[in-house]
Amino acid sequence: MAEHEPQEGEQELEKKIEEIRLRFKNELLKDTTEKYDPRDVERLLKDNALVESYLAWRLNVVDDALKMIDESLQWRREFGVNDLTESIIPKWMFETGAVYLHGYDKEGNKLFWFKVKLHVKDAKTALDKKKYVAFWLERYAKKEPGMLLTVVFDMSESGYSNIDMDFVKYIVNCFKVYYPKFLSKMIIVDMPWIMNAAWKIVKTWLGPEAISKLKFASKSEVLTFIDPEYLPPHMGGTDPFKYTYPPLPDDDFQTPICDNGPIVSDDDTESTITLEPSSTSELVPKSKKVNFLEESLRSDVSEKVDTNVRVKGARKPQTTFKGPLLDVSPAEE
């Protein structure tokens, strides 16, 4: 009997996937042509893994999965997620470096960083900031389908003015509803005591599916989840990456694995980006406190430094990436 259990489980899953698709067409697509993006509908009707991800996140309850699909697809159309490009997002958001993908946790999951001190609540820019987060998530989802993310909230030097519960709730919903089965864990690092009450509220938003994924860590405790090579110096790490923009690189986020060991790039040498020189003095990167509200910012010139990446698992990167938007370092303390 035990030999047939996996097959029976797969058959049950296939039945639920077909039930979801049938009810989706009969109940949610009925009498509407503008509720969803046709591209998302087509994918839902063809991609079993997508439907399965909604089912898994809702503990295989078909009714709950359908509600999640409805909410998720409506959001995707409202935000125009399929058409989000670099040119649509305001340039100043890329220049701040408040949100970025860089590094891996100890389990090999990509790190999605939020530098909270660079964010200030503002209704005028709220929608653009939400689209910016969606841009990064969608870009990663397309390049690394099925791969998880670990969200890191860097709370160092943040305070009351940086609290934006609406934005935090949106980020939670991105993983709770819009990108199911996408979150590995959410690490809150060095949280000021003034924000304790706010994050207790966040716990209630996560729900039973994700509450266990929320981790609070001090600067020393974060080493439990992330090796020093992917942590900035102010967290006790050794990662020297500096953030620069433009351009936005189009590199793959992960490097292919070679049976004979790491694939080392030929240009694995130190390089420096310089502007049109006005003097013979060397340009030195300086940390700059940037406000996530400002609509016109200039990127500091920053020196890119190689890192020696240790391979701990099949999903760890094998080379150093030098793309400007991915090479990031939080502001120095």
Protein backbone atom coordinates (compact mmCIF):
# COMPACT_ATOMS: atom_id res chain seq x y z
CA MET A 1 0.00 0.00 0.00
CA ALA A 2 2.82 2.39 0.87
CA GLU A 3 4.17 2.18 -2.66
CA HIS A 4 0.93 3.66 -4.04
CA GLU A 5 0.61 6.55 -1.58
CA PRO A 6 2.75 9.06 -3.53
CA GLN A 7 0.81 8.29 -6.72
CA GLU A 8 -2.52 8.65 -4.94
CA GLY A 9 -1.34 11.97 -3.50
CA GLU A 10 -0.41 13.21 -6.95
CA GLN A 11 -3.78 12.16 -8.33
CA GLU A 12 -5.57 14.02 -5.55
CA LEU A 13 -3.50 17.12 -6.27
CA GLU A 14 -4.30 16.90 -9.99
CA LYS A 15 -8.01 16.67 -9.18
CA LYS A 16 -7.83 19.80 -7.03
CA ILE A 17 -5.89 21.68 -9.70
CA GLU A 18 -8.56 20.82 -12.28
CA GLU A 19 -11.32 21.75 -9.82
CA ILE A 20 -9.72 25.14 -9.26
CA ARG A 21 -9.42 25.80 -12.98
CA LEU A 22 -13.01 24.74 -13.64
CA ARG A 23 -14.40 26.89 -10.84
CA PHE A 24 -12.13 29.77 -11.85
CA LYS A 25 -13.62 29.75 -15.35
CA ASN A 26 -17.21 29.23 -14.20
CA GLU A 27 -17.25 31.52 -11.15
CA LEU A 28 -14.53 34.14 -11.51
CA LEU A 29 -14.23 34.62 -15.27
CA LYS A 30 -17.97 34.73 -15.80
CA ASP A 31 -19.33 38.01 -17.21
CA THR A 32 -16.02 39.84 -16.97
CA THR A 33 -13.28 40.66 -19.43
CA GLU A 34 -11.38 43.35 -17.53
CA LYS A 35 -10.93 41.87 -14.08
CA TYR A 36 -7.66 40.09 -14.88
CA ASP A 37 -4.76 40.40 -17.28
CA PRO A 38 -5.35 37.79 -20.04
CA ARG A 39 -1.70 36.77 -19.77
CA ASP A 40 -2.18 35.83 -16.12
CA VAL A 41 -5.35 33.90 -16.93
CA GLU A 42 -3.57 31.94 -19.65
CA ARG A 43 -0.73 31.08 -17.30
CA LEU A 44 -3.10 29.96 -14.56
CA LEU A 45 -4.88 27.63 -16.97
CA LYS A 46 -1.64 26.07 -18.21
CA ASP A 47 0.91 26.20 -15.37
CA ASN A 48 0.26 23.44 -12.83
CA ALA A 49 3.08 24.64 -10.58
CA LEU A 50 1.41 28.05 -10.23
CA VAL A 51 -1.93 26.57 -9.18
CA GLU A 52 -0.16 24.17 -6.85
CA SER A 53 1.63 27.06 -5.15
CA TYR A 54 -1.69 28.70 -4.29
CA LEU A 55 -3.06 25.39 -3.04
CA ALA A 56 0.00 24.66 -0.92
CA TRP A 57 -0.04 28.11 0.68
CA ARG A 58 -3.72 27.62 1.55
CA LEU A 59 -3.17 24.13 2.94
CA ASN A 60 -4.86 22.46 -0.06
CA VAL A 61 -8.23 24.08 0.65
CA VAL A 62 -9.73 24.81 -2.77
CA ASP A 63 -12.06 27.61 -1.64
CA ASP A 64 -9.23 29.47 0.08
CA ALA A 65 -6.92 29.00 -2.90
CA LEU A 66 -9.55 30.42 -5.25
CA LYS A 67 -9.95 33.52 -3.09
CA MET A 68 -6.20 33.97 -3.11
CA ILE A 69 -6.02 33.58 -6.89
CA ASP A 70 -8.78 36.13 -7.36
CA GLU A 71 -7.07 38.70 -5.14
CA SER A 72 -3.65 38.04 -6.62
CA LEU A 73 -4.70 38.33 -10.26
CA GLN A 74 -6.71 41.50 -9.60
CA TRP A 75 -3.66 43.06 -7.99
CA ARG A 76 -1.45 42.08 -10.91
CA ARG A 77 -3.77 43.83 -13.36
CA GLU A 78 -4.21 46.90 -11.15
CA PHE A 79 -0.44 47.33 -10.79
CA GLY A 80 0.32 46.33 -14.38
CA VAL A 81 2.84 43.81 -13.06
CA ASN A 82 3.40 42.10 -16.41
CA ASP A 83 4.44 45.41 -17.95
CA LEU A 84 6.58 46.83 -15.14
CA THR A 85 9.92 47.89 -16.58
CA GLU A 86 12.86 49.97 -15.45
CA SER A 87 11.62 52.94 -17.49
CA ILE A 88 8.26 52.96 -15.69
CA ILE A 89 9.78 53.18 -12.20
CA PRO A 90 10.98 56.68 -11.17
CA LYS A 91 14.75 56.84 -11.50
CA TRP A 92 15.26 58.25 -8.00
CA MET A 93 14.01 54.98 -6.51
CA PHE A 94 16.78 53.01 -8.17
CA GLU A 95 19.30 55.63 -7.06
CA THR A 96 18.50 55.42 -3.35
CA GLY A 97 19.39 51.77 -2.82
CA ALA A 98 16.61 51.39 -0.24
CA VAL A 99 15.47 48.08 -1.76
CA TYR A 100 17.69 45.58 -3.52
CA LEU A 101 18.53 41.92 -4.11
CA HIS A 102 21.98 40.80 -3.05
CA GLY A 103 23.61 37.77 -1.44
CA TYR A 104 22.29 34.49 -0.05
CA ASP A 105 21.32 33.12 3.34
CA LYS A 106 22.80 29.91 4.74
CA GLU A 107 20.12 27.85 3.01
CA GLY A 108 21.00 29.32 -0.37
CA ASN A 109 17.95 31.60 -0.64
CA LYS A 110 18.39 34.99 -2.29
CA LEU A 111 18.35 37.98 0.09
CA PHE A 112 15.85 40.79 -0.52
CA TRP A 113 17.04 43.80 1.49
CA PHE A 114 14.97 46.70 2.82
CA LYS A 115 16.99 49.55 4.37
CA VAL A 116 14.29 50.97 6.60
CA LYS A 117 16.14 54.18 7.53
CA LEU A 118 15.87 55.31 3.90
CA HIS A 119 12.09 55.04 3.89
CA VAL A 120 9.76 57.78 5.07
CA LYS A 121 6.00 57.52 4.75
CA ASP A 122 4.55 59.73 2.03
CA ALA A 123 1.20 59.27 0.31
CA LYS A 124 2.46 60.95 -2.87
CA THR A 125 5.08 58.29 -3.53
CA ALA A 126 3.35 55.29 -1.92
CA LEU A 127 2.09 53.76 -5.18
CA ASP A 128 5.43 54.14 -6.95
CA LYS A 129 7.23 52.49 -4.04
CA LYS A 130 4.82 49.57 -4.11
CA LYS A 131 5.34 49.15 -7.84
CA TYR A 132 9.09 49.26 -7.26
CA VAL A 133 8.86 46.30 -4.88
CA ALA A 134 6.63 44.47 -7.38
CA PHE A 135 9.19 45.16 -10.12
CA TRP A 136 11.93 43.41 -8.14
CA LEU A 137 9.73 40.47 -7.13
CA GLU A 138 8.43 39.89 -10.64
CA ARG A 139 11.90 40.18 -12.14
CA TYR A 140 13.25 37.60 -9.72
CA ALA A 141 10.24 35.29 -10.15
CA LYS A 142 10.78 35.21 -13.92
CA LYS A 143 14.53 34.65 -13.68
CA GLU A 144 14.43 32.13 -10.83
CA PRO A 145 10.99 30.45 -10.93
CA GLY A 146 10.28 28.39 -7.85
CA MET A 147 13.26 29.76 -5.90
CA LEU A 148 12.58 31.26 -2.47
CA LEU A 149 13.53 34.67 -1.10
CA THR A 150 14.63 35.69 2.38
CA VAL A 151 13.51 39.21 3.23
CA VAL A 152 15.87 41.22 5.45
CA PHE A 153 14.62 44.39 7.12
CA ASP A 154 17.72 46.35 8.11
CA MET A 155 16.36 48.48 10.97
CA SER A 156 19.68 50.07 11.98
CA GLU A 157 19.49 53.85 12.50
CA SER A 158 15.74 53.79 11.83
CA GLY A 159 13.22 55.55 14.01
CA TYR A 160 9.63 56.65 14.37
CA SER A 161 9.64 58.65 11.12
CA ASN A 162 10.47 55.47 9.22
CA ILE A 163 7.41 53.56 10.42
CA ASP A 164 5.00 53.00 7.53
CA MET A 165 2.57 50.27 8.43
CA ASP A 166 0.71 50.48 5.13
CA PHE A 167 3.94 49.80 3.22
CA VAL A 168 4.90 46.95 5.55
CA LYS A 169 1.45 45.41 5.18
CA TYR A 170 1.85 45.60 1.42
CA ILE A 171 5.18 43.76 1.60
CA VAL A 172 3.57 41.09 3.79
CA ASN A 173 0.73 40.71 1.28
CA CYS A 174 3.22 40.32 -1.55
CA PHE A 175 4.34 37.05 0.01
CA LYS A 176 1.07 36.10 1.67
CA VAL A 177 -1.15 36.58 -1.39
CA TYR A 178 0.55 37.84 -4.55
CA TYR A 179 3.61 35.54 -4.62
CA PRO A 180 2.57 32.36 -2.80
CA LYS A 181 5.16 29.88 -1.62
CA PHE A 182 7.84 32.49 -2.36
CA LEU A 183 8.99 33.43 1.14
CA SER A 184 11.67 31.48 2.97
CA LYS A 185 11.80 33.76 6.00
CA MET A 186 11.52 37.40 7.00
CA ILE A 187 14.37 38.61 9.24
CA ILE A 188 13.99 41.82 11.26
CA VAL A 189 17.49 42.96 12.21
CA ASP A 190 18.35 45.39 15.02
CA MET A 191 14.81 46.61 15.62
CA PRO A 192 14.55 49.74 17.84
CA TRP A 193 12.36 49.32 20.91
CA ILE A 194 10.07 52.08 19.65
CA MET A 195 8.91 49.74 16.88
CA ASN A 196 8.04 46.77 19.08
CA ALA A 197 4.32 47.54 19.13
CA ALA A 198 4.21 48.04 15.37
CA TRP A 199 5.79 44.67 14.62
CA LYS A 200 3.42 42.89 16.98
CA ILE A 201 0.70 44.06 14.59
CA VAL A 202 2.68 42.72 11.65
CA LYS A 203 2.62 39.25 13.24
CA THR A 204 -1.18 39.27 13.10
CA TRP A 205 -1.07 40.10 9.38
CA LEU A 206 1.15 37.17 8.51
CA GLY A 207 -1.36 34.54 9.54
CA PRO A 208 -0.67 30.91 10.48
CA GLU A 209 0.93 30.08 7.12
CA ALA A 210 3.78 32.55 7.57
CA ILE A 211 4.05 33.45 11.26
CA SER A 212 6.82 30.90 11.77
CA LYS A 213 8.81 32.59 9.01
CA LEU A 214 9.16 35.87 10.95
CA LYS A 215 12.53 36.09 12.73
CA PHE A 216 13.74 38.88 15.02
CA ALA A 217 17.51 39.11 15.32
CA SER A 218 20.16 41.36 16.83
CA LYS A 219 23.31 42.16 14.88
CA SER A 220 25.00 39.14 16.41
CA GLU A 221 22.02 36.81 16.04
CA VAL A 222 21.63 37.51 12.32
CA LEU A 223 24.77 35.41 11.81
CA THR A 224 22.56 32.43 12.60
CA PHE A 225 20.83 32.94 9.27
CA ILE A 226 23.41 34.66 7.04
CA ASP A 227 27.16 34.11 6.72
CA PRO A 228 29.46 37.15 7.25
CA GLU A 229 30.36 37.21 3.54
CA TYR A 230 26.83 38.41 2.74
CA LEU A 231 26.42 40.79 5.68
CA PRO A 232 27.50 44.45 5.69
CA PRO A 233 30.17 45.58 8.17
CA HIS A 234 27.66 47.26 10.49
CA MET A 235 26.10 43.82 11.05
CA GLY A 236 29.44 42.21 11.77
CA GLY A 237 29.87 41.00 8.21
CA THR A 238 32.60 41.31 5.60
CA ASP A 239 30.56 42.17 2.50
CA PRO A 240 32.09 45.34 0.95
CA PHE A 241 29.61 45.79 -1.90
CA LYS A 242 28.59 49.38 -2.68
CA TYR A 243 25.42 50.41 -4.45
CA THR A 244 25.57 52.25 -7.77
CA TYR A 245 23.03 53.13 -10.44
CA PRO A 246 22.66 53.25 -13.46
CA PRO A 247 22.57 50.95 -15.33
CA LEU A 248 20.32 48.10 -14.26
CA PRO A 249 22.15 44.85 -15.01
CA ASP A 250 20.44 42.03 -16.84
CA ASP A 251 22.57 39.29 -15.32
CA ASP A 252 21.13 36.01 -14.11
CA PHE A 253 20.83 36.03 -10.34
CA GLN A 254 22.48 32.64 -9.99
CA THR A 255 25.45 31.07 -11.69
CA PRO A 256 25.30 27.59 -13.27
CA ILE A 257 26.86 24.83 -11.21
CA CYS A 258 29.85 23.02 -12.66
CA ASP A 259 30.65 19.43 -11.70
CA ASN A 260 34.32 20.33 -11.43
CA GLY A 261 33.75 23.18 -8.99
CA PRO A 262 33.02 26.90 -9.14
CA ILE A 263 32.90 28.70 -12.46
CA VAL A 264 35.17 31.71 -12.07
CA SER A 265 34.69 34.64 -14.42
CA ASP A 266 37.66 35.80 -16.49
CA ASP A 267 37.24 39.39 -15.40
CA ASP A 268 37.28 38.57 -11.69
CA THR A 269 39.44 41.60 -10.98
CA GLU A 270 38.97 44.80 -9.07
CA SER A 271 37.39 47.63 -11.05
CA THR A 272 36.50 51.23 -10.34
CA ILE A 273 33.79 53.38 -11.91
CA THR A 274 34.75 57.01 -12.41
CA LEU A 275 32.99 60.07 -13.70
CA GLU A 276 34.39 62.68 -16.07
CA PRO A 277 37.40 63.86 -14.02
CA SER A 278 37.61 67.46 -12.94
CA SER A 279 40.82 66.96 -11.02
CA THR A 280 43.54 64.39 -10.58
CA SER A 281 42.37 63.42 -7.12
CA GLU A 282 40.99 59.93 -6.62
CA LEU A 283 37.25 59.66 -6.21
CA VAL A 284 36.42 58.02 -2.90
CA PRO A 285 32.99 56.57 -2.15
CA LYS A 286 31.21 58.33 0.67
CA SER A 287 28.21 57.13 2.58
CA LYS A 288 25.24 59.34 1.96
CA LYS A 289 21.97 59.36 3.86
CA VAL A 290 19.28 59.48 1.23
CA ASN A 291 15.61 60.10 1.77
CA PHE A 292 13.27 57.71 -0.01
CA LEU A 293 11.01 60.69 -0.70
CA GLU A 294 13.39 62.71 -2.79
CA GLU A 295 12.49 62.72 -6.47
CA SER A 296 15.91 63.66 -7.78
CA LEU A 297 19.06 62.08 -6.40
CA ARG A 298 22.57 61.58 -7.67
CA SER A 299 24.32 58.28 -7.16
CA ASP A 300 27.60 58.42 -5.27
CA VAL A 301 30.55 57.03 -7.19
CA SER A 302 31.40 53.76 -5.62
CA GLU A 303 34.26 51.32 -5.86
CA LYS A 304 33.34 47.77 -6.67
CA VAL A 305 35.37 45.22 -4.78
CA ASP A 306 35.49 41.51 -5.42
CA THR A 307 34.41 39.06 -2.74
CA ASN A 308 35.56 35.51 -2.27
CA VAL A 309 32.37 33.51 -2.14
CA ARG A 310 32.36 30.26 -0.20
CA VAL A 311 30.26 27.51 -1.66
CA LYS A 312 28.10 25.85 0.98
CA GLY A 313 25.39 24.26 -1.14
CA ALA A 314 24.17 23.73 -4.65
CA ARG A 315 22.17 26.96 -4.64
CA LYS A 316 24.95 29.21 -3.39
CA PRO A 317 26.46 31.48 -6.06
CA GLN A 318 29.71 30.40 -7.64
CA THR A 319 31.03 33.73 -8.88
CA THR A 320 31.00 37.33 -7.82
CA PHE A 321 28.40 39.51 -9.51
CA LYS A 322 29.37 43.05 -10.31
CA GLY A 323 26.05 44.42 -11.59
CA PRO A 324 25.62 47.95 -10.24
CA LEU A 325 22.12 47.42 -8.89
CA LEU A 326 23.00 44.19 -7.17
CA ASP A 327 26.27 45.37 -5.66
CA VAL A 328 24.97 46.94 -2.51
CA SER A 329 26.21 48.02 0.88
CA PRO A 330 24.12 49.74 3.55
CA ALA A 331 25.25 53.16 4.76
CA GLU A 332 28.22 53.10 7.11
CA GLU A 333 27.52 53.69 10.74
